């Protein structure tokens, strides 16, 4: 699936330009792997095969969004458009 849109400007810059400005430097390698995986995955079921990233669907007012654990507090969140086969609204969020 192709990543189409970002909420987090620093993450967008990192994805498009490989510039770590705007994201925690200690997370760059892991975020690079996560974004590459999202770009290459075929469907959402592949996320469930990643126990180390604690992939899960969000509930409540965030229903339909996914979350991957980057660090203890940081999460990579996004939505999957299954019809267009795209990843949208990619964000880097501090849960605490």
PDB file of N, CA and C in Angstrom:
ATOM      1  N   UNK A   1       0.858  -1.185   0.000  1.00  0.00           N
ATOM      2  CA  UNK A   1       0.000   0.000   0.000  1.00  0.00           C
ATOM      3  C   UNK A   1       0.895   1.236   0.000  1.00  0.00           C
ATOM      4  N   UNK A   2       0.473   2.232  -0.664  1.00  0.00           N
ATOM      5  CA  UNK A   2       1.244   3.466  -0.747  1.00  0.00           C
ATOM      6  C   UNK A   2       0.811   4.433   0.346  1.00  0.00           C
ATOM      7  N   UNK A   3       1.778   5.081   0.987  1.00  0.00           N
ATOM      8  CA  UNK A   3       1.479   6.121   1.975  1.00  0.00           C
ATOM      9  C   UNK A   3       1.117   7.388   1.203  1.00  0.00           C
ATOM     10  N   UNK A   4      -0.065   7.940   1.480  1.00  0.00           N
ATOM     11  CA  UNK A   4      -0.558   9.103   0.736  1.00  0.00           C
ATOM     12  C   UNK A   4      -0.574  10.408   1.518  1.00  0.00           C
ATOM     13  N   UNK A   5      -0.811  10.348   2.842  1.00  0.00           N
ATOM     14  CA  UNK A   5      -0.907  11.610   3.572  1.00  0.00           C
ATOM     15  C   UNK A   5      -0.354  11.480   4.983  1.00  0.00           C
ATOM     16  N   UNK A   6       0.142  12.606   5.480  1.00  0.00           N
ATOM     17  CA  UNK A   6       0.731  12.688   6.811  1.00  0.00           C
ATOM     18  C   UNK A   6       0.056  13.792   7.609  1.00  0.00           C
ATOM     19  N   UNK A   7      -0.007  13.598   8.912  1.00  0.00           N
ATOM     20  CA  UNK A   7      -0.440  14.638   9.834  1.00  0.00           C
ATOM     21  C   UNK A   7       0.806  15.316  10.403  1.00  0.00           C
ATOM     22  N   UNK A   8       1.808  14.535  10.743  1.00  0.00           N
ATOM     23  CA  UNK A   8       3.049  15.009  11.370  1.00  0.00           C
ATOM     24  C   UNK A   8       4.016  15.511  10.293  1.00  0.00           C
ATOM     25  N   UNK A   9       4.327  16.806  10.317  1.00  0.00           N
ATOM     26  CA  UNK A   9       5.173  17.414   9.280  1.00  0.00           C
ATOM     27  C   UNK A   9       6.597  16.859   9.283  1.00  0.00           C
ATOM     28  N   UNK A  10       7.154  16.635  10.466  1.00  0.00           N
ATOM     29  CA  UNK A  10       8.507  16.089  10.549  1.00  0.00           C
ATOM     30  C   UNK A  10       8.583  14.682   9.991  1.00  0.00           C
ATOM     31  N   UNK A  11       7.565  13.895  10.232  1.00  0.00           N
ATOM     32  CA  UNK A  11       7.505  12.528   9.709  1.00  0.00           C
ATOM     33  C   UNK A  11       7.369  12.541   8.183  1.00  0.00           C
ATOM     34  N   UNK A  12       6.597  13.477   7.674  1.00  0.00           N
ATOM     35  CA  UNK A  12       6.457  13.613   6.219  1.00  0.00           C
ATOM     36  C   UNK A  12       7.807  13.966   5.599  1.00  0.00           C
ATOM     37  N   UNK A  13       8.534  14.913   6.199  1.00  0.00           N
ATOM     38  CA  UNK A  13       9.854  15.297   5.706  1.00  0.00           C
ATOM     39  C   UNK A  13      10.805  14.105   5.745  1.00  0.00           C
ATOM     40  N   UNK A  14      10.737  13.334   6.814  1.00  0.00           N
ATOM     41  CA  UNK A  14      11.587  12.155   6.961  1.00  0.00           C
ATOM     42  C   UNK A  14      11.288  11.142   5.856  1.00  0.00           C
ATOM     43  N   UNK A  15      10.031  10.919   5.569  1.00  0.00           N
ATOM     44  CA  UNK A  15       9.615   9.962   4.535  1.00  0.00           C
ATOM     45  C   UNK A  15      10.018  10.425   3.131  1.00  0.00           C
ATOM     46  N   UNK A  16       9.813  11.687   2.855  1.00  0.00           N
ATOM     47  CA  UNK A  16      10.050  12.200   1.507  1.00  0.00           C
ATOM     48  C   UNK A  16      11.502  12.582   1.240  1.00  0.00           C
ATOM     49  N   UNK A  17      12.192  13.101   2.258  1.00  0.00           N
ATOM     50  CA  UNK A  17      13.531  13.666   2.049  1.00  0.00           C
ATOM     51  C   UNK A  17      14.630  12.975   2.849  1.00  0.00           C
ATOM     52  N   UNK A  18      14.271  11.997   3.680  1.00  0.00           N
ATOM     53  CA  UNK A  18      15.237  11.318   4.555  1.00  0.00           C
ATOM     54  C   UNK A  18      15.867  12.265   5.572  1.00  0.00           C
ATOM     55  N   UNK A  19      15.203  13.362   5.885  1.00  0.00           N
ATOM     56  CA  UNK A  19      15.691  14.317   6.872  1.00  0.00           C
ATOM     57  C   UNK A  19      15.045  14.006   8.222  1.00  0.00           C
ATOM     58  N   UNK A  20      15.876  13.777   9.236  1.00  0.00           N
ATOM     59  CA  UNK A  20      15.364  13.438  10.561  1.00  0.00           C
ATOM     60  C   UNK A  20      14.977  14.678  11.366  1.00  0.00           C
ATOM     61  N   UNK A  21      15.074  15.845  10.762  1.00  0.00           N
ATOM     62  CA  UNK A  21      14.673  17.072  11.447  1.00  0.00           C
ATOM     63  C   UNK A  21      13.173  17.005  11.737  1.00  0.00           C
ATOM     64  N   UNK A  22      12.813  17.171  12.990  1.00  0.00           N
ATOM     65  CA  UNK A  22      11.399  17.146  13.364  1.00  0.00           C
ATOM     66  C   UNK A  22      10.940  15.841  13.984  1.00  0.00           C
ATOM     67  N   UNK A  23      11.831  14.845  14.033  1.00  0.00           N
ATOM     68  CA  UNK A  23      11.507  13.589  14.730  1.00  0.00           C
ATOM     69  C   UNK A  23      12.638  13.296  15.708  1.00  0.00           C
ATOM     70  N   UNK A  24      12.375  12.541  16.772  1.00  0.00           N
ATOM     71  CA  UNK A  24      13.457  12.184  17.687  1.00  0.00           C
ATOM     72  C   UNK A  24      14.514  11.345  16.958  1.00  0.00           C
ATOM     73  N   UNK A  25      15.763  11.777  17.011  1.00  0.00           N
ATOM     74  CA  UNK A  25      16.845  11.097  16.289  1.00  0.00           C
ATOM     75  C   UNK A  25      16.958   9.626  16.673  1.00  0.00           C
ATOM     76  N   UNK A  26      16.671   9.306  17.923  1.00  0.00           N
ATOM     77  CA  UNK A  26      16.798   7.921  18.389  1.00  0.00           C
ATOM     78  C   UNK A  26      15.757   6.988  17.767  1.00  0.00           C
ATOM     79  N   UNK A  27      14.738   7.544  17.147  1.00  0.00           N
ATOM     80  CA  UNK A  27      13.677   6.725  16.556  1.00  0.00           C
ATOM     81  C   UNK A  27      13.802   6.584  15.039  1.00  0.00           C
ATOM     82  N   UNK A  28      14.762   7.252  14.429  1.00  0.00           N
ATOM     83  CA  UNK A  28      14.863   7.304  12.967  1.00  0.00           C
ATOM     84  C   UNK A  28      14.950   5.916  12.332  1.00  0.00           C
ATOM     85  N   UNK A  29      15.812   5.051  12.842  1.00  0.00           N
ATOM     86  CA  UNK A  29      15.953   3.716  12.240  1.00  0.00           C
ATOM     87  C   UNK A  29      14.656   2.917  12.306  1.00  0.00           C
ATOM     88  N   UNK A  30      14.017   2.935  13.467  1.00  0.00           N
ATOM     89  CA  UNK A  30      12.777   2.169  13.612  1.00  0.00           C
ATOM     90  C   UNK A  30      11.665   2.751  12.739  1.00  0.00           C
ATOM     91  N   UNK A  31      11.569   4.072  12.703  1.00  0.00           N
ATOM     92  CA  UNK A  31      10.548   4.703  11.864  1.00  0.00           C
ATOM     93  C   UNK A  31      10.794   4.417  10.387  1.00  0.00           C
ATOM     94  N   UNK A  32      12.041   4.397   9.978  1.00  0.00           N
ATOM     95  CA  UNK A  32      12.372   4.075   8.586  1.00  0.00           C
ATOM     96  C   UNK A  32      11.859   2.678   8.232  1.00  0.00           C
ATOM     97  N   UNK A  33      12.080   1.723   9.136  1.00  0.00           N
ATOM     98  CA  UNK A  33      11.614   0.349   8.910  1.00  0.00           C
ATOM     99  C   UNK A  33      10.091   0.274   8.881  1.00  0.00           C
ATOM    100  N   UNK A  34       9.450   0.987   9.799  1.00  0.00           N
ATOM    101  CA  UNK A  34       7.989   0.967   9.860  1.00  0.00           C
ATOM    102  C   UNK A  34       7.366   1.561   8.600  1.00  0.00           C
ATOM    103  N   UNK A  35       7.881   2.706   8.165  1.00  0.00           N
ATOM    104  CA  UNK A  35       7.338   3.353   6.973  1.00  0.00           C
ATOM    105  C   UNK A  35       7.574   2.496   5.732  1.00  0.00           C
ATOM    106  N   UNK A  36       8.741   1.872   5.642  1.00  0.00           N
ATOM    107  CA  UNK A  36       9.033   0.983   4.506  1.00  0.00           C
ATOM    108  C   UNK A  36       8.083  -0.214   4.515  1.00  0.00           C
ATOM    109  N   UNK A  37       7.814  -0.761   5.699  1.00  0.00           N
ATOM    110  CA  UNK A  37       6.889  -1.886   5.798  1.00  0.00           C
ATOM    111  C   UNK A  37       5.495  -1.476   5.335  1.00  0.00           C
ATOM    112  N   UNK A  38       5.010  -0.324   5.824  1.00  0.00           N
ATOM    113  CA  UNK A  38       3.678   0.141   5.437  1.00  0.00           C
ATOM    114  C   UNK A  38       3.591   0.351   3.934  1.00  0.00           C
ATOM    115  N   UNK A  39       4.636   0.922   3.362  1.00  0.00           N
ATOM    116  CA  UNK A  39       4.677   1.165   1.919  1.00  0.00           C
ATOM    117  C   UNK A  39       4.611  -0.140   1.123  1.00  0.00           C
ATOM    118  N   UNK A  40       5.217  -1.190   1.654  1.00  0.00           N
ATOM    119  CA  UNK A  40       5.330  -2.459   0.918  1.00  0.00           C
ATOM    120  C   UNK A  40       4.231  -3.466   1.229  1.00  0.00           C
ATOM    121  N   UNK A  41       3.494  -3.281   2.313  1.00  0.00           N
ATOM    122  CA  UNK A  41       2.529  -4.306   2.697  1.00  0.00           C
ATOM    123  C   UNK A  41       1.364  -4.386   1.713  1.00  0.00           C
ATOM    124  N   UNK A  42       0.801  -5.589   1.623  1.00  0.00           N
ATOM    125  CA  UNK A  42      -0.296  -5.830   0.708  1.00  0.00           C
ATOM    126  C   UNK A  42      -1.662  -5.581   1.317  1.00  0.00           C
ATOM    127  N   UNK A  43      -1.836  -5.951   2.599  1.00  0.00           N
ATOM    128  CA  UNK A  43      -3.111  -5.725   3.269  1.00  0.00           C
ATOM    129  C   UNK A  43      -2.905  -5.608   4.774  1.00  0.00           C
ATOM    130  N   UNK A  44      -3.943  -5.165   5.474  1.00  0.00           N
ATOM    131  CA  UNK A  44      -3.862  -4.885   6.906  1.00  0.00           C
ATOM    132  C   UNK A  44      -3.547  -6.119   7.745  1.00  0.00           C
ATOM    133  N   UNK A  45      -3.892  -7.302   7.276  1.00  0.00           N
ATOM    134  CA  UNK A  45      -3.640  -8.520   8.043  1.00  0.00           C
ATOM    135  C   UNK A  45      -2.142  -8.724   8.302  1.00  0.00           C
ATOM    136  N   UNK A  46      -1.308  -8.189   7.444  1.00  0.00           N
ATOM    137  CA  UNK A  46       0.139  -8.310   7.635  1.00  0.00           C
ATOM    138  C   UNK A  46       0.605  -7.612   8.912  1.00  0.00           C
ATOM    139  N   UNK A  47      -0.128  -6.603   9.366  1.00  0.00           N
ATOM    140  CA  UNK A  47       0.240  -5.890  10.602  1.00  0.00           C
ATOM    141  C   UNK A  47       0.146  -6.803  11.818  1.00  0.00           C
ATOM    142  N   UNK A  48      -0.760  -7.748  11.785  1.00  0.00           N
ATOM    143  CA  UNK A  48      -0.961  -8.643  12.922  1.00  0.00           C
ATOM    144  C   UNK A  48       0.186  -9.627  13.095  1.00  0.00           C
ATOM    145  N   UNK A  49       1.088  -9.691  12.135  1.00  0.00           N
ATOM    146  CA  UNK A  49       2.246 -10.582  12.216  1.00  0.00           C
ATOM    147  C   UNK A  49       3.460  -9.890  12.823  1.00  0.00           C
ATOM    148  N   UNK A  50       3.259  -8.717  13.407  1.00  0.00           N
ATOM    149  CA  UNK A  50       4.356  -7.920  13.946  1.00  0.00           C
ATOM    150  C   UNK A  50       4.221  -7.744  15.456  1.00  0.00           C
ATOM    151  N   UNK A  51       4.476  -8.769  16.248  1.00  0.00           N
ATOM    152  CA  UNK A  51       4.279  -8.646  17.696  1.00  0.00           C
ATOM    153  C   UNK A  51       5.189  -7.598  18.339  1.00  0.00           C
ATOM    154  N   UNK A  52       6.380  -7.397  17.818  1.00  0.00           N
ATOM    155  CA  UNK A  52       7.314  -6.431  18.398  1.00  0.00           C
ATOM    156  C   UNK A  52       6.866  -4.987  18.262  1.00  0.00           C
ATOM    157  N   UNK A  53       6.037  -4.705  17.279  1.00  0.00           N
ATOM    158  CA  UNK A  53       5.553  -3.342  17.067  1.00  0.00           C
ATOM    159  C   UNK A  53       4.198  -3.099  17.721  1.00  0.00           C
ATOM    160  N   UNK A  54       3.645  -4.118  18.367  1.00  0.00           N
ATOM    161  CA  UNK A  54       2.377  -4.019  19.092  1.00  0.00           C
ATOM    162  C   UNK A  54       1.272  -3.389  18.239  1.00  0.00           C
ATOM    163  N   UNK A  55       1.145  -3.862  17.017  1.00  0.00           N
ATOM    164  CA  UNK A  55       0.130  -3.337  16.097  1.00  0.00           C
ATOM    165  C   UNK A  55      -1.263  -3.649  16.626  1.00  0.00           C
ATOM    166  N   UNK A  56      -2.110  -2.634  16.654  1.00  0.00           N
ATOM    167  CA  UNK A  56      -3.493  -2.841  17.059  1.00  0.00           C
ATOM    168  C   UNK A  56      -4.385  -1.733  16.497  1.00  0.00           C
ATOM    169  N   UNK A  57      -5.660  -2.066  16.385  1.00  0.00           N
ATOM    170  CA  UNK A  57      -6.646  -1.086  15.949  1.00  0.00           C
ATOM    171  C   UNK A  57      -7.095  -0.270  17.149  1.00  0.00           C
ATOM    172  N   UNK A  58      -7.310   1.000  16.919  1.00  0.00           N
ATOM    173  CA  UNK A  58      -7.789   1.873  17.986  1.00  0.00           C
ATOM    174  C   UNK A  58      -9.313   1.791  18.056  1.00  0.00           C
ATOM    175  N   UNK A  59      -9.851   2.195  19.188  1.00  0.00           N
ATOM    176  CA  UNK A  59     -11.292   2.127  19.418  1.00  0.00           C
ATOM    177  C   UNK A  59     -11.824   3.507  19.783  1.00  0.00           C
ATOM    178  N   UNK A  60     -13.092   3.574  20.087  1.00  0.00           N
ATOM    179  CA  UNK A  60     -13.715   4.832  20.498  1.00  0.00           C
ATOM    180  C   UNK A  60     -13.749   5.837  19.360  1.00  0.00           C
ATOM    181  N   UNK A  61     -13.399   7.088  19.667  1.00  0.00           N
ATOM    182  CA  UNK A  61     -13.431   8.125  18.635  1.00  0.00           C
ATOM    183  C   UNK A  61     -12.307   7.964  17.617  1.00  0.00           C
ATOM    184  N   UNK A  62     -11.373   7.060  17.868  1.00  0.00           N
ATOM    185  CA  UNK A  62     -10.269   6.771  16.935  1.00  0.00           C
ATOM    186  C   UNK A  62     -10.507   5.463  16.171  1.00  0.00           C
ATOM    187  N   UNK A  63     -11.734   4.961  16.231  1.00  0.00           N
ATOM    188  CA  UNK A  63     -12.055   3.695  15.570  1.00  0.00           C
ATOM    189  C   UNK A  63     -11.681   3.767  14.087  1.00  0.00           C
ATOM    190  N   UNK A  64     -11.049   2.710  13.617  1.00  0.00           N
ATOM    191  CA  UNK A  64     -10.625   2.652  12.227  1.00  0.00           C
ATOM    192  C   UNK A  64      -9.154   2.981  12.036  1.00  0.00           C
ATOM    193  N   UNK A  65      -8.533   3.576  13.050  1.00  0.00           N
ATOM    194  CA  UNK A  65      -7.108   3.904  12.977  1.00  0.00           C
ATOM    195  C   UNK A  65      -6.294   2.750  13.557  1.00  0.00           C
ATOM    196  N   UNK A  66      -5.043   2.674  13.143  1.00  0.00           N
ATOM    197  CA  UNK A  66      -4.097   1.674  13.634  1.00  0.00           C
ATOM    198  C   UNK A  66      -3.001   2.372  14.417  1.00  0.00           C
ATOM    199  N   UNK A  67      -2.351   1.624  15.305  1.00  0.00           N
ATOM    200  CA  UNK A  67      -1.236   2.143  16.085  1.00  0.00           C
ATOM    201  C   UNK A  67      -0.098   1.126  16.096  1.00  0.00           C
ATOM    202  N   UNK A  68       1.132   1.629  15.946  1.00  0.00           N
ATOM    203  CA  UNK A  68       2.341   0.819  16.094  1.00  0.00           C
ATOM    204  C   UNK A  68       3.200   1.466  17.167  1.00  0.00           C
ATOM    205  N   UNK A  69       3.785   0.676  18.039  1.00  0.00           N
ATOM    206  CA  UNK A  69       4.632   1.197  19.111  1.00  0.00           C
ATOM    207  C   UNK A  69       6.030   1.497  18.580  1.00  0.00           C
ATOM    208  N   UNK A  70       6.455   2.753  18.734  1.00  0.00           N
ATOM    209  CA  UNK A  70       7.798   3.172  18.331  1.00  0.00           C
ATOM    210  C   UNK A  70       8.724   3.093  19.538  1.00  0.00           C
ATOM    211  N   UNK A  71       8.328   3.728  20.639  1.00  0.00           N
ATOM    212  CA  UNK A  71       9.053   3.665  21.910  1.00  0.00           C
ATOM    213  C   UNK A  71       8.018   3.512  23.015  1.00  0.00           C
ATOM    214  N   UNK A  72       8.447   3.630  24.256  1.00  0.00           N
ATOM    215  CA  UNK A  72       7.512   3.523  25.373  1.00  0.00           C
ATOM    216  C   UNK A  72       6.333   4.467  25.252  1.00  0.00           C
ATOM    217  N   UNK A  73       6.581   5.705  24.847  1.00  0.00           N
ATOM    218  CA  UNK A  73       5.517   6.706  24.743  1.00  0.00           C
ATOM    219  C   UNK A  73       5.077   7.009  23.318  1.00  0.00           C
ATOM    220  N   UNK A  74       5.945   6.856  22.353  1.00  0.00           N
ATOM    221  CA  UNK A  74       5.640   7.250  20.974  1.00  0.00           C
ATOM    222  C   UNK A  74       4.934   6.152  20.187  1.00  0.00           C
ATOM    223  N   UNK A  75       3.930   6.568  19.420  1.00  0.00           N
ATOM    224  CA  UNK A  75       3.193   5.655  18.562  1.00  0.00           C
ATOM    225  C   UNK A  75       3.104   6.227  17.158  1.00  0.00           C
ATOM    226  N   UNK A  76       3.185   5.351  16.179  1.00  0.00           N
ATOM    227  CA  UNK A  76       2.933   5.701  14.791  1.00  0.00           C
ATOM    228  C   UNK A  76       1.484   5.322  14.539  1.00  0.00           C
ATOM    229  N   UNK A  77       0.641   6.291  14.240  1.00  0.00           N
ATOM    230  CA  UNK A  77      -0.774   6.016  14.002  1.00  0.00           C
ATOM    231  C   UNK A  77      -1.116   6.347  12.554  1.00  0.00           C
ATOM    232  N   UNK A  78      -2.116   5.666  12.032  1.00  0.00           N
ATOM    233  CA  UNK A  78      -2.498   5.846  10.634  1.00  0.00           C
ATOM    234  C   UNK A  78      -3.837   5.185  10.375  1.00  0.00           C
ATOM    235  N   UNK A  79      -4.388   5.506   9.228  1.00  0.00           N
ATOM    236  CA  UNK A  79      -5.622   4.882   8.750  1.00  0.00           C
ATOM    237  C   UNK A  79      -5.328   4.155   7.449  1.00  0.00           C
ATOM    238  N   UNK A  80      -6.061   3.081   7.217  1.00  0.00           N
ATOM    239  CA  UNK A  80      -5.911   2.317   5.984  1.00  0.00           C
ATOM    240  C   UNK A  80      -7.184   2.465   5.164  1.00  0.00           C
ATOM    241  N   UNK A  81      -7.034   2.953   3.952  1.00  0.00           N
ATOM    242  CA  UNK A  81      -8.145   3.028   3.007  1.00  0.00           C
ATOM    243  C   UNK A  81      -8.073   1.750   2.174  1.00  0.00           C
ATOM    244  N   UNK A  82      -8.914   0.783   2.517  1.00  0.00           N
ATOM    245  CA  UNK A  82      -8.855  -0.518   1.843  1.00  0.00           C
ATOM    246  C   UNK A  82      -9.360  -0.456   0.403  1.00  0.00           C
ATOM    247  N   UNK A  83     -10.232   0.477   0.107  1.00  0.00           N
ATOM    248  CA  UNK A  83     -10.757   0.601  -1.259  1.00  0.00           C
ATOM    249  C   UNK A  83      -9.667   1.151  -2.187  1.00  0.00           C
ATOM    250  N   UNK A  84      -9.012   2.227  -1.756  1.00  0.00           N
ATOM    251  CA  UNK A  84      -7.945   2.832  -2.560  1.00  0.00           C
ATOM    252  C   UNK A  84      -6.595   2.150  -2.333  1.00  0.00           C
ATOM    253  N   UNK A  85      -6.540   1.277  -1.315  1.00  0.00           N
ATOM    254  CA  UNK A  85      -5.307   0.567  -0.949  1.00  0.00           C
ATOM    255  C   UNK A  85      -4.180   1.559  -0.638  1.00  0.00           C
ATOM    256  N   UNK A  86      -4.503   2.492   0.291  1.00  0.00           N
ATOM    257  CA  UNK A  86      -3.568   3.542   0.686  1.00  0.00           C
ATOM    258  C   UNK A  86      -3.509   3.673   2.200  1.00  0.00           C
ATOM    259  N   UNK A  87      -2.372   4.172   2.667  1.00  0.00           N
ATOM    260  CA  UNK A  87      -2.196   4.529   4.072  1.00  0.00           C
ATOM    261  C   UNK A  87      -2.363   6.041   4.148  1.00  0.00           C
ATOM    262  N   UNK A  88      -3.188   6.507   5.085  1.00  0.00           N
ATOM    263  CA  UNK A  88      -3.464   7.941   5.206  1.00  0.00           C
ATOM    264  C   UNK A  88      -3.335   8.412   6.645  1.00  0.00           C
ATOM    265  N   UNK A  89      -3.191   9.710   6.793  1.00  0.00           N
ATOM    266  CA  UNK A  89      -3.155  10.368   8.114  1.00  0.00           C
ATOM    267  C   UNK A  89      -2.081   9.779   9.015  1.00  0.00           C
ATOM    268  N   UNK A  90      -0.889   9.547   8.477  1.00  0.00           N
ATOM    269  CA  UNK A  90       0.212   8.979   9.276  1.00  0.00           C
ATOM    270  C   UNK A  90       0.670  10.053  10.271  1.00  0.00           C
ATOM    271  N   UNK A  91       0.761   9.661  11.530  1.00  0.00           N
ATOM    272  CA  UNK A  91       1.093  10.615  12.583  1.00  0.00           C
ATOM    273  C   UNK A  91       2.055   9.964  13.583  1.00  0.00           C
ATOM    274  N   UNK A  92       2.854  10.781  14.234  1.00  0.00           N
ATOM    275  CA  UNK A  92       3.724  10.341  15.319  1.00  0.00           C
ATOM    276  C   UNK A  92       3.194  11.012  16.573  1.00  0.00           C
ATOM    277  N   UNK A  93       2.698  10.202  17.508  1.00  0.00           N
ATOM    278  CA  UNK A  93       2.017  10.743  18.684  1.00  0.00           C
ATOM    279  C   UNK A  93       2.678  10.285  19.972  1.00  0.00           C
ATOM    280  N   UNK A  94       2.694  11.184  20.944  1.00  0.00           N
ATOM    281  CA  UNK A  94       3.161  10.876  22.287  1.00  0.00           C
ATOM    282  C   UNK A  94       1.930  10.544  23.122  1.00  0.00           C
ATOM    283  N   UNK A  95       1.822   9.293  23.553  1.00  0.00           N
ATOM    284  CA  UNK A  95       0.644   8.839  24.291  1.00  0.00           C
ATOM    285  C   UNK A  95       0.612   9.323  25.746  1.00  0.00           C
ATOM    286  N   UNK A  96       1.707   9.894  26.230  1.00  0.00           N
ATOM    287  CA  UNK A  96       1.725  10.307  27.647  1.00  0.00           C
ATOM    288  C   UNK A  96       2.019  11.760  27.790  1.00  0.00           C
TER     289      UNK A  96
END
